[in-house]
PDB file of N, CA and C in Angstrom:
ATOM      1  N   MET A   1     159.492 102.583  91.519  1.00  0.00           N
ATOM      2  CA  MET A   1     158.707 103.404  92.229  1.00  0.00           C
ATOM      3  C   MET A   1     157.478 102.453  92.660  1.00  0.00           C
ATOM      4  N   ILE A   2     156.889 102.803  93.801  1.00  0.00           N
ATOM      5  CA  ILE A   2     155.668 102.157  94.109  1.00  0.00           C
ATOM      6  C   ILE A   2     154.703 103.091  94.124  1.00  0.00           C
ATOM      7  N   ASN A   3     153.277 102.557  93.689  1.00  0.00           N
ATOM      8  CA  ASN A   3     152.124 103.388  93.853  1.00  0.00           C
ATOM      9  C   ASN A   3     151.217 102.670  94.798  1.00  0.00           C
ATOM     10  N   PHE A   4     150.564 103.448  95.768  1.00  0.00           N
ATOM     11  CA  PHE A   4     149.585 102.986  96.386  1.00  0.00           C
ATOM     12  C   PHE A   4     148.576 104.046  96.779  1.00  0.00           C
ATOM     13  N   VAL A   5     147.285 103.602  97.072  1.00  0.00           N
ATOM     14  CA  VAL A   5     146.230 104.513  97.338  1.00  0.00           C
ATOM     15  C   VAL A   5     145.623 104.192  98.826  1.00  0.00           C
ATOM     16  N   VAL A   6     145.599 105.354  99.588  1.00  0.00           N
ATOM     17  CA  VAL A   6     144.962 105.197 100.969  1.00  0.00           C
ATOM     18  C   VAL A   6     143.554 105.632 100.802  1.00  0.00           C
ATOM     19  N   TYR A   7     142.633 104.698 100.876  1.00  0.00           N
ATOM     20  CA  TYR A   7     141.235 105.329 101.028  1.00  0.00           C
ATOM     21  C   TYR A   7     140.757 105.377 102.406  1.00  0.00           C
ATOM     22  N   GLN A   8     140.379 106.538 102.611  1.00  0.00           N
ATOM     23  CA  GLN A   8     139.841 107.095 103.864  1.00  0.00           C
ATOM     24  C   GLN A   8     138.555 106.280 104.432  1.00  0.00           C
ATOM     25  N   ASP A   9     137.881 105.656 103.472  1.00  0.00           N
ATOM     26  CA  ASP A   9     136.561 104.881 103.906  1.00  0.00           C
ATOM     27  C   ASP A   9     136.809 103.560 103.796  1.00  0.00           C
ATOM     28  N   SER A  10     137.802 102.943 103.579  1.00  0.00           N
ATOM     29  CA  SER A  10     138.083 101.525 103.404  1.00  0.00           C
ATOM     30  C   SER A  10     138.009 100.785 104.826  1.00  0.00           C
ATOM     31  N   VAL A  11     137.640  99.613 104.570  1.00  0.00           N
ATOM     32  CA  VAL A  11     137.804  98.653 105.640  1.00  0.00           C
ATOM     33  C   VAL A  11     138.756  97.440 105.342  1.00  0.00           C
ATOM     34  N   PRO A  12     139.661  97.314 106.402  1.00  0.00           N
ATOM     35  CA  PRO A  12     140.800  96.247 106.243  1.00  0.00           C
ATOM     36  C   PRO A  12     140.208  94.820 106.163  1.00  0.00           C
ATOM     37  N   THR A  13     140.671  94.026 105.247  1.00  0.00           N
ATOM     38  CA  THR A  13     140.308  92.754 105.115  1.00  0.00           C
ATOM     39  C   THR A  13     140.733  91.728 106.074  1.00  0.00           C
ATOM     40  N   GLN A  14     141.863  92.157 106.611  1.00  0.00           N
ATOM     41  CA  GLN A  14     142.444  91.267 107.728  1.00  0.00           C
ATOM     42  C   GLN A  14     142.810  92.206 108.908  1.00  0.00           C
ATOM     43  N   SER A  15     143.008  91.447 110.048  1.00  0.00           N
ATOM     44  CA  SER A  15     143.352  92.212 111.106  1.00  0.00           C
ATOM     45  C   SER A  15     144.771  92.870 111.044  1.00  0.00           C
ATOM     46  N   LEU A  16     144.956  94.155 111.539  1.00  0.00           N
ATOM     47  CA  LEU A  16     146.117  94.764 111.565  1.00  0.00           C
ATOM     48  C   LEU A  16     147.225  94.006 112.262  1.00  0.00           C
ATOM     49  N   GLN A  17     146.682  93.150 113.345  1.00  0.00           N
ATOM     50  CA  GLN A  17     147.628  92.431 114.225  1.00  0.00           C
ATOM     51  C   GLN A  17     148.363  91.313 113.371  1.00  0.00           C
ATOM     52  N   ASP A  18     147.649  90.998 112.213  1.00  0.00           N
ATOM     53  CA  ASP A  18     148.308  89.842 111.514  1.00  0.00           C
ATOM     54  C   ASP A  18     149.293  90.358 110.479  1.00  0.00           C
ATOM     55  N   ILE A  19     149.362  91.701 110.242  1.00  0.00           N
ATOM     56  CA  ILE A  19     150.264  92.344 109.199  1.00  0.00           C
ATOM     57  C   ILE A  19     151.563  92.467 109.847  1.00  0.00           C
ATOM     58  N   GLU A  20     152.683  92.090 109.249  1.00  0.00           N
ATOM     59  CA  GLU A  20     154.022  92.422 109.702  1.00  0.00           C
ATOM     60  C   GLU A  20     154.510  93.713 109.074  1.00  0.00           C
ATOM     61  N   ILE A  21     154.671  94.690 109.892  1.00  0.00           N
ATOM     62  CA  ILE A  21     155.250  96.052 109.347  1.00  0.00           C
ATOM     63  C   ILE A  21     156.575  96.142 109.559  1.00  0.00           C
ATOM     64  N   PRO A  22     157.439  96.244 108.383  1.00  0.00           N
ATOM     65  CA  PRO A  22     158.950  96.347 108.403  1.00  0.00           C
ATOM     66  C   PRO A  22     159.411  97.554 109.502  1.00  0.00           C
ATOM     67  N   THR A  23     160.335  97.198 110.367  1.00  0.00           N
ATOM     68  CA  THR A  23     160.934  98.075 111.245  1.00  0.00           C
ATOM     69  C   THR A  23     162.122  98.698 110.633  1.00  0.00           C
ATOM     70  N   GLY A  24     162.250 100.071 110.839  1.00  0.00           N
ATOM     71  CA  GLY A  24     163.422 100.792 110.183  1.00  0.00           C
ATOM     72  C   GLY A  24     164.634 100.722 111.159  1.00  0.00           C
ATOM     73  N   SER A  25     165.882 101.316 110.686  1.00  0.00           N
ATOM     74  CA  SER A  25     167.163 101.380 111.312  1.00  0.00           C
ATOM     75  C   SER A  25     167.474 102.793 111.426  1.00  0.00           C
ATOM     76  N   GLY A  26     166.317 103.714 111.661  1.00  0.00           N
ATOM     77  CA  GLY A  26     166.815 105.101 111.561  1.00  0.00           C
ATOM     78  C   GLY A  26     166.762 105.931 110.242  1.00  0.00           C
ATOM     79  N   GLU A  27     166.388 105.153 109.300  1.00  0.00           N
ATOM     80  CA  GLU A  27     166.471 105.709 107.824  1.00  0.00           C
ATOM     81  C   GLU A  27     165.519 106.975 107.879  1.00  0.00           C
ATOM     82  N   CYS A  28     165.826 107.980 107.053  1.00  0.00           N
ATOM     83  CA  CYS A  28     165.241 109.095 106.957  1.00  0.00           C
ATOM     84  C   CYS A  28     164.232 109.292 105.831  1.00  0.00           C
ATOM     85  N   ILE A  29     162.895 109.416 105.879  1.00  0.00           N
ATOM     86  CA  ILE A  29     162.074 109.612 104.871  1.00  0.00           C
ATOM     87  C   ILE A  29     161.493 110.978 104.743  1.00  0.00           C
ATOM     88  N   LEU A  30     161.424 111.421 103.478  1.00  0.00           N
ATOM     89  CA  LEU A  30     160.923 112.625 103.203  1.00  0.00           C
ATOM     90  C   LEU A  30     159.409 112.533 102.850  1.00  0.00           C
ATOM     91  N   VAL A  31     158.523 113.188 103.866  1.00  0.00           N
ATOM     92  CA  VAL A  31     157.130 112.885 103.335  1.00  0.00           C
ATOM     93  C   VAL A  31     156.613 114.305 102.959  1.00  0.00           C
ATOM     94  N   VAL A  32     155.898 114.343 101.799  1.00  0.00           N
ATOM     95  CA  VAL A  32     155.534 115.500 100.960  1.00  0.00           C
ATOM     96  C   VAL A  32     153.882 115.309 100.807  1.00  0.00           C
ATOM     97  N   ASP A  33     153.303 116.224 101.469  1.00  0.00           N
ATOM     98  CA  ASP A  33     151.845 116.305 101.475  1.00  0.00           C
ATOM     99  C   ASP A  33     151.337 117.779 101.702  1.00  0.00           C
ATOM    100  N   ASP A  34     150.565 118.191 100.993  1.00  0.00           N
ATOM    101  CA  ASP A  34     149.955 119.660 101.380  1.00  0.00           C
ATOM    102  C   ASP A  34     148.990 119.662 102.486  1.00  0.00           C
ATOM    103  N   LYS A  35     148.642 118.463 103.051  1.00  0.00           N
ATOM    104  CA  LYS A  35     147.653 118.607 104.196  1.00  0.00           C
ATOM    105  C   LYS A  35     148.606 118.332 105.558  1.00  0.00           C
ATOM    106  N   THR A  36     148.833 119.320 106.400  1.00  0.00           N
ATOM    107  CA  THR A  36     149.505 119.208 107.589  1.00  0.00           C
ATOM    108  C   THR A  36     149.099 117.826 108.439  1.00  0.00           C
ATOM    109  N   ALA A  37     147.946 117.680 108.571  1.00  0.00           N
ATOM    110  CA  ALA A  37     147.369 116.574 109.505  1.00  0.00           C
ATOM    111  C   ALA A  37     148.072 115.167 108.728  1.00  0.00           C
ATOM    112  N   ILE A  38     148.202 114.867 107.506  1.00  0.00           N
ATOM    113  CA  ILE A  38     148.577 113.963 106.790  1.00  0.00           C
ATOM    114  C   ILE A  38     150.184 113.769 107.081  1.00  0.00           C
ATOM    115  N   GLN A  39     150.829 114.924 107.068  1.00  0.00           N
ATOM    116  CA  GLN A  39     152.093 114.975 107.241  1.00  0.00           C
ATOM    117  C   GLN A  39     152.642 114.512 108.730  1.00  0.00           C
ATOM    118  N   GLU A  40     151.958 114.939 109.558  1.00  0.00           N
ATOM    119  CA  GLU A  40     152.051 114.621 110.895  1.00  0.00           C
ATOM    120  C   GLU A  40     151.753 113.174 111.424  1.00  0.00           C
ATOM    121  N   ILE A  41     150.654 112.631 110.777  1.00  0.00           N
ATOM    122  CA  ILE A  41     150.144 111.317 111.157  1.00  0.00           C
ATOM    123  C   ILE A  41     151.215 110.349 110.451  1.00  0.00           C
ATOM    124  N   THR A  42     151.978 110.708 109.243  1.00  0.00           N
ATOM    125  CA  THR A  42     152.755 109.890 108.553  1.00  0.00           C
ATOM    126  C   THR A  42     153.984 109.869 109.190  1.00  0.00           C
ATOM    127  N   LYS A  43     154.550 111.066 109.598  1.00  0.00           N
ATOM    128  CA  LYS A  43     155.604 111.301 110.417  1.00  0.00           C
ATOM    129  C   LYS A  43     155.708 110.453 111.675  1.00  0.00           C
ATOM    130  N   THR A  44     154.533 110.610 112.543  1.00  0.00           N
ATOM    131  CA  THR A  44     154.552 109.791 113.733  1.00  0.00           C
ATOM    132  C   THR A  44     154.565 108.439 113.359  1.00  0.00           C
ATOM    133  N   SER A  45     153.673 107.924 112.493  1.00  0.00           N
ATOM    134  CA  SER A  45     153.681 106.518 112.200  1.00  0.00           C
ATOM    135  C   SER A  45     155.120 106.029 111.809  1.00  0.00           C
ATOM    136  N   LEU A  46     155.871 106.606 110.909  1.00  0.00           N
ATOM    137  CA  LEU A  46     157.247 106.187 110.606  1.00  0.00           C
ATOM    138  C   LEU A  46     158.120 106.250 111.811  1.00  0.00           C
ATOM    139  N   GLU A  47     157.983 107.172 112.607  1.00  0.00           N
ATOM    140  CA  GLU A  47     158.849 107.249 113.927  1.00  0.00           C
ATOM    141  C   GLU A  47     158.456 106.106 114.710  1.00  0.00           C
ATOM    142  N   ASN A  48     157.197 105.702 114.862  1.00  0.00           N
ATOM    143  CA  ASN A  48     156.752 104.624 115.699  1.00  0.00           C
ATOM    144  C   ASN A  48     157.459 103.284 115.150  1.00  0.00           C
ATOM    145  N   TYR A  49     157.899 103.308 113.921  1.00  0.00           N
ATOM    146  CA  TYR A  49     158.563 101.979 113.369  1.00  0.00           C
ATOM    147  C   TYR A  49     160.149 102.290 113.198  1.00  0.00           C
ATOM    148  N   ASN A  50     160.488 103.169 113.953  1.00  0.00           N
ATOM    149  CA  ASN A  50     162.003 103.287 113.923  1.00  0.00           C
ATOM    150  C   ASN A  50     162.665 103.893 112.672  1.00  0.00           C
ATOM    151  N   TYR A  51     161.757 104.878 111.983  1.00  0.00           N
ATOM    152  CA  TYR A  51     162.350 105.634 111.011  1.00  0.00           C
ATOM    153  C   TYR A  51     162.438 107.120 111.376  1.00  0.00           C
ATOM    154  N   THR A  52     163.087 107.972 110.872  1.00  0.00           N
ATOM    155  CA  THR A  52     162.972 109.292 110.998  1.00  0.00           C
ATOM    156  C   THR A  52     162.086 109.952 109.827  1.00  0.00           C
ATOM    157  N   ALA A  53     161.686 111.300 109.989  1.00  0.00           N
ATOM    158  CA  ALA A  53     161.026 111.705 108.952  1.00  0.00           C
ATOM    159  C   ALA A  53     161.064 113.216 108.849  1.00  0.00           C
ATOM    160  N   ILE A  54     161.244 113.863 107.564  1.00  0.00           N
ATOM    161  CA  ILE A  54     161.171 115.357 107.431  1.00  0.00           C
ATOM    162  C   ILE A  54     159.823 115.605 106.677  1.00  0.00           C
ATOM    163  N   THR A  55     159.096 116.747 106.932  1.00  0.00           N
ATOM    164  CA  THR A  55     157.877 116.852 106.158  1.00  0.00           C
ATOM    165  C   THR A  55     158.114 118.144 105.275  1.00  0.00           C
ATOM    166  N   ALA A  56     157.475 118.137 104.158  1.00  0.00           N
ATOM    167  CA  ALA A  56     157.337 119.203 103.307  1.00  0.00           C
ATOM    168  C   ALA A  56     155.838 119.433 102.815  1.00  0.00           C
ATOM    169  N   GLY A  57     155.469 120.562 102.562  1.00  0.00           N
ATOM    170  CA  GLY A  57     153.955 120.897 102.347  1.00  0.00           C
ATOM    171  C   GLY A  57     153.800 120.982 100.710  1.00  0.00           C
ATOM    172  N   ASP A  58     154.744 120.999  99.944  1.00  0.00           N
ATOM    173  CA  ASP A  58     154.709 121.078  98.523  1.00  0.00           C
ATOM    174  C   ASP A  58     155.981 120.514  97.844  1.00  0.00           C
ATOM    175  N   GLY A  59     155.772 120.445  96.576  1.00  0.00           N
ATOM    176  CA  GLY A  59     157.078 119.936  95.803  1.00  0.00           C
ATOM    177  C   GLY A  59     158.338 120.993  95.998  1.00  0.00           C
ATOM    178  N   MET A  60     157.950 122.320  95.776  1.00  0.00           N
ATOM    179  CA  MET A  60     159.024 123.166  95.913  1.00  0.00           C
ATOM    180  C   MET A  60     159.720 123.212  97.264  1.00  0.00           C
ATOM    181  N   GLU A  61     158.886 123.182  98.394  1.00  0.00           N
ATOM    182  CA  GLU A  61     159.409 122.946  99.627  1.00  0.00           C
ATOM    183  C   GLU A  61     160.341 121.499  99.797  1.00  0.00           C
ATOM    184  N   ALA A  62     159.747 120.519  99.154  1.00  0.00           N
ATOM    185  CA  ALA A  62     160.350 119.224  99.158  1.00  0.00           C
ATOM    186  C   ALA A  62     161.849 119.249  98.541  1.00  0.00           C
ATOM    187  N   LEU A  63     161.904 120.015  97.360  1.00  0.00           N
ATOM    188  CA  LEU A  63     163.057 120.168  96.810  1.00  0.00           C
ATOM    189  C   LEU A  63     164.169 120.963  97.386  1.00  0.00           C
ATOM    190  N   ALA A  64     163.695 121.901  98.217  1.00  0.00           N
ATOM    191  CA  ALA A  64     164.661 122.697  98.972  1.00  0.00           C
ATOM    192  C   ALA A  64     165.045 121.911 100.041  1.00  0.00           C
ATOM    193  N   ILE A  65     164.232 121.145 100.845  1.00  0.00           N
ATOM    194  CA  ILE A  65     164.661 120.362 101.841  1.00  0.00           C
ATOM    195  C   ILE A  65     165.696 119.152 101.395  1.00  0.00           C
ATOM    196  N   TYR A  66     165.233 118.530 100.366  1.00  0.00           N
ATOM    197  CA  TYR A  66     166.134 117.492  99.736  1.00  0.00           C
ATOM    198  C   TYR A  66     167.452 117.922  99.377  1.00  0.00           C
ATOM    199  N   THR A  67     167.488 119.189  98.830  1.00  0.00           N
ATOM    200  CA  THR A  67     168.911 119.892  98.577  1.00  0.00           C
ATOM    201  C   THR A  67     169.704 119.948  99.678  1.00  0.00           C
ATOM    202  N   GLN A  68     169.162 120.278 100.795  1.00  0.00           N
ATOM    203  CA  GLN A  68     169.806 120.589 102.135  1.00  0.00           C
ATOM    204  C   GLN A  68     170.280 119.210 102.787  1.00  0.00           C
ATOM    205  N   HIS A  69     169.466 118.285 102.679  1.00  0.00           N
ATOM    206  CA  HIS A  69     169.617 116.985 103.506  1.00  0.00           C
ATOM    207  C   HIS A  69     169.642 115.624 102.645  1.00  0.00           C
ATOM    208  N   GLN A  70     170.173 115.924 101.265  1.00  0.00           N
ATOM    209  CA  GLN A  70     169.957 114.664 100.531  1.00  0.00           C
ATOM    210  C   GLN A  70     170.892 113.466 101.038  1.00  0.00           C
ATOM    211  N   GLU A  71     171.925 113.774 101.827  1.00  0.00           N
ATOM    212  CA  GLU A  71     172.838 112.628 102.238  1.00  0.00           C
ATOM    213  C   GLU A  71     172.297 111.788 103.350  1.00  0.00           C
ATOM    214  N   LYS A  72     171.190 112.345 103.993  1.00  0.00           N
ATOM    215  CA  LYS A  72     170.620 111.590 104.939  1.00  0.00           C
ATOM    216  C   LYS A  72     169.166 110.976 104.575  1.00  0.00           C
ATOM    217  N   ILE A  73     168.398 111.580 103.413  1.00  0.00           N
ATOM    218  CA  ILE A  73     167.254 111.286 102.990  1.00  0.00           C
ATOM    219  C   ILE A  73     167.260 109.969 102.217  1.00  0.00           C
ATOM    220  N   SER A  74     166.690 108.775 102.730  1.00  0.00           N
ATOM    221  CA  SER A  74     166.779 107.482 101.899  1.00  0.00           C
ATOM    222  C   SER A  74     165.542 107.236 101.038  1.00  0.00           C
ATOM    223  N   ALA A  75     164.466 107.979 101.219  1.00  0.00           N
ATOM    224  CA  ALA A  75     163.357 107.734 100.337  1.00  0.00           C
ATOM    225  C   ALA A  75     162.283 108.957 100.571  1.00  0.00           C
ATOM    226  N   ALA A  76     161.401 109.027  99.666  1.00  0.00           N
ATOM    227  CA  ALA A  76     160.298 110.109  99.811  1.00  0.00           C
ATOM    228  C   ALA A  76     159.005 109.311  99.516  1.00  0.00           C
ATOM    229  N   ILE A  77     157.967 109.869 100.294  1.00  0.00           N
ATOM    230  CA  ILE A  77     156.655 109.665  99.974  1.00  0.00           C
ATOM    231  C   ILE A  77     155.946 110.855  99.797  1.00  0.00           C
ATOM    232  N   ILE A  78     155.503 110.794  98.463  1.00  0.00           N
ATOM    233  CA  ILE A  78     154.898 112.123  97.919  1.00  0.00           C
ATOM    234  C   ILE A  78     153.506 111.897  97.427  1.00  0.00           C
ATOM    235  N   ASP A  79     152.583 112.751  97.964  1.00  0.00           N
ATOM    236  CA  ASP A  79     151.128 112.852  97.541  1.00  0.00           C
ATOM    237  C   ASP A  79     151.075 113.199  96.155  1.00  0.00           C
ATOM    238  N   ILE A  80     150.101 112.402  95.427  1.00  0.00           N
ATOM    239  CA  ILE A  80     149.804 112.714  94.130  1.00  0.00           C
ATOM    240  C   ILE A  80     149.273 114.125  93.827  1.00  0.00           C
ATOM    241  N   MET A  81     148.344 114.441  94.622  1.00  0.00           N
ATOM    242  CA  MET A  81     147.808 115.968  94.296  1.00  0.00           C
ATOM    243  C   MET A  81     148.331 116.956  95.279  1.00  0.00           C
ATOM    244  N   MET A  82     149.043 117.879  94.645  1.00  0.00           N
ATOM    245  CA  MET A  82     149.676 118.908  95.385  1.00  0.00           C
ATOM    246  C   MET A  82     149.733 120.191  94.662  1.00  0.00           C
ATOM    247  N   SER A  83     149.771 121.438  95.545  1.00  0.00           N
ATOM    248  CA  SER A  83     149.872 122.666  94.821  1.00  0.00           C
ATOM    249  C   SER A  83     151.268 123.009  94.508  1.00  0.00           C
ATOM    250  N   LYS A  84     151.531 123.958  93.763  1.00  0.00           N
ATOM    251  CA  LYS A  84     152.853 124.722  93.467  1.00  0.00           C
ATOM    252  C   LYS A  84     153.568 123.864  92.522  1.00  0.00           C
ATOM    253  N   MET A  85     153.845 122.679  92.816  1.00  0.00           N
ATOM    254  CA  MET A  85     154.586 121.756  91.779  1.00  0.00           C
ATOM    255  C   MET A  85     153.973 120.321  92.027  1.00  0.00           C
ATOM    256  N   ASP A  86     153.468 119.908  90.812  1.00  0.00           N
ATOM    257  CA  ASP A  86     152.814 118.470  90.820  1.00  0.00           C
ATOM    258  C   ASP A  86     153.701 117.454  91.218  1.00  0.00           C
ATOM    259  N   ARG A  87     153.199 116.287  91.456  1.00  0.00           N
ATOM    260  CA  ARG A  87     153.821 114.985  91.830  1.00  0.00           C
ATOM    261  C   ARG A  87     154.855 114.621  90.803  1.00  0.00           C
ATOM    262  N   ALA A  88     154.617 114.572  89.608  1.00  0.00           N
ATOM    263  CA  ALA A  88     155.299 113.933  88.441  1.00  0.00           C
ATOM    264  C   ALA A  88     156.627 114.964  88.465  1.00  0.00           C
ATOM    265  N   THR A  89     156.387 116.214  88.345  1.00  0.00           N
ATOM    266  CA  THR A  89     157.497 117.122  88.354  1.00  0.00           C
ATOM    267  C   THR A  89     158.479 117.018  89.534  1.00  0.00           C
ATOM    268  N   THR A  90     157.890 116.878  90.672  1.00  0.00           N
ATOM    269  CA  THR A  90     158.613 116.588  91.893  1.00  0.00           C
ATOM    270  C   THR A  90     159.538 115.446  91.990  1.00  0.00           C
ATOM    271  N   ILE A  91     158.926 114.285  91.459  1.00  0.00           N
ATOM    272  CA  ILE A  91     159.559 113.164  91.514  1.00  0.00           C
ATOM    273  C   ILE A  91     160.751 113.327  90.474  1.00  0.00           C
ATOM    274  N   ARG A  92     160.306 113.738  89.276  1.00  0.00           N
ATOM    275  CA  ARG A  92     161.311 113.757  88.119  1.00  0.00           C
ATOM    276  C   ARG A  92     162.596 114.690  88.610  1.00  0.00           C
ATOM    277  N   THR A  93     162.357 115.773  89.249  1.00  0.00           N
ATOM    278  CA  THR A  93     163.300 116.628  89.631  1.00  0.00           C
ATOM    279  C   THR A  93     164.188 115.909  90.805  1.00  0.00           C
ATOM    280  N   LEU A  94     163.623 115.349  91.793  1.00  0.00           N
ATOM    281  CA  LEU A  94     164.304 114.617  92.869  1.00  0.00           C
ATOM    282  C   LEU A  94     165.122 113.638  92.171  1.00  0.00           C
ATOM    283  N   GLN A  95     164.770 112.886  91.309  1.00  0.00           N
ATOM    284  CA  GLN A  95     165.570 111.910  90.531  1.00  0.00           C
ATOM    285  C   GLN A  95     166.658 112.212  89.624  1.00  0.00           C
ATOM    286  N   ASN A  96     166.594 113.600  89.069  1.00  0.00           N
ATOM    287  CA  ASN A  96     167.459 114.162  88.401  1.00  0.00           C
ATOM    288  C   ASN A  96     168.625 114.650  89.407  1.00  0.00           C
ATOM    289  N   ILE A  97     168.271 114.902  90.710  1.00  0.00           N
ATOM    290  CA  ILE A  97     169.359 115.188  91.630  1.00  0.00           C
ATOM    291  C   ILE A  97     170.060 113.937  92.019  1.00  0.00           C
ATOM    292  N   ASN A  98     169.246 112.909  92.244  1.00  0.00           N
ATOM    293  CA  ASN A  98     169.745 111.599  92.788  1.00  0.00           C
ATOM    294  C   ASN A  98     168.934 110.478  92.155  1.00  0.00           C
ATOM    295  N   PRO A  99     169.465 109.901  91.122  1.00  0.00           N
ATOM    296  CA  PRO A  99     168.535 108.818  90.522  1.00  0.00           C
ATOM    297  C   PRO A  99     168.515 107.526  91.348  1.00  0.00           C
ATOM    298  N   LEU A 100     169.257 107.386  92.372  1.00  0.00           N
ATOM    299  CA  LEU A 100     169.335 106.160  92.920  1.00  0.00           C
ATOM    300  C   LEU A 100     168.249 106.183  94.205  1.00  0.00           C
ATOM    301  N   ASP A 101     167.691 107.390  94.628  1.00  0.00           N
ATOM    302  CA  ASP A 101     166.820 107.509  95.725  1.00  0.00           C
ATOM    303  C   ASP A 101     165.534 106.867  95.267  1.00  0.00           C
ATOM    304  N   TYR A 102     164.661 106.441  96.312  1.00  0.00           N
ATOM    305  CA  TYR A 102     163.498 105.594  96.125  1.00  0.00           C
ATOM    306  C   TYR A 102     162.190 106.709  96.416  1.00  0.00           C
ATOM    307  N   CYS A 103     161.289 106.714  95.466  1.00  0.00           N
ATOM    308  CA  CYS A 103     160.088 107.613  95.685  1.00  0.00           C
ATOM    309  C   CYS A 103     158.822 106.757  95.622  1.00  0.00           C
ATOM    310  N   CYS A 104     157.945 107.150  96.542  1.00  0.00           N
ATOM    311  CA  CYS A 104     156.707 106.368  96.549  1.00  0.00           C
ATOM    312  C   CYS A 104     155.576 107.487  96.549  1.00  0.00           C
ATOM    313  N   LYS A 105     154.561 107.276  95.483  1.00  0.00           N
ATOM    314  CA  LYS A 105     153.500 108.230  95.417  1.00  0.00           C
ATOM    315  C   LYS A 105     152.262 107.732  96.079  1.00  0.00           C
ATOM    316  N   TRP A 106     151.514 108.491  96.504  1.00  0.00           N
ATOM    317  CA  TRP A 106     150.413 108.102  97.304  1.00  0.00           C
ATOM    318  C   TRP A 106     149.232 109.095  97.235  1.00  0.00           C
ATOM    319  N   THR A 107     148.038 108.863  97.476  1.00  0.00           N
ATOM    320  CA  THR A 107     146.919 109.765  97.574  1.00  0.00           C
ATOM    321  C   THR A 107     145.832 109.147  98.547  1.00  0.00           C
ATOM    322  N   GLY A 108     145.199 110.069  99.119  1.00  0.00           N
ATOM    323  CA  GLY A 108     144.086 109.939  99.882  1.00  0.00           C
ATOM    324  C   GLY A 108     142.786 110.122  99.398  1.00  0.00           C
ATOM    325  N   ASN A 109     142.843 110.538  98.023  1.00  0.00           N
ATOM    326  CA  ASN A 109     141.608 110.939  97.248  1.00  0.00           C
ATOM    327  C   ASN A 109     141.192 109.754  96.535  1.00  0.00           C
ATOM    328  N   LYS A 110     139.834 109.719  96.140  1.00  0.00           N
ATOM    329  CA  LYS A 110     139.179 108.591  95.500  1.00  0.00           C
ATOM    330  C   LYS A 110     139.261 108.755  93.993  1.00  0.00           C
TER     331      LYS A 110
END
């Protein structure tokens, strides 16, 4: 599992043009965040780099979506702060369903 924090007020230390961003091959990523704007920005960003994305607004919705589409979901990006089901329970439950899948947790909170 990878952890990273997205700070809304941060300033990049190097030009984004100098960073090589990996391009996908159509892999599907489950994006879980309770903020619709973050879901859509993340989905669009992933699609711009040749990934597909499915969004969920909380852990309960993520589990329902994952259960229906687990054969095509390669990874999940999960917000740390969510309502209805917290991040740890969501990740633990997803990994109980399929321990081989990759989960990444993130937050925009300081």
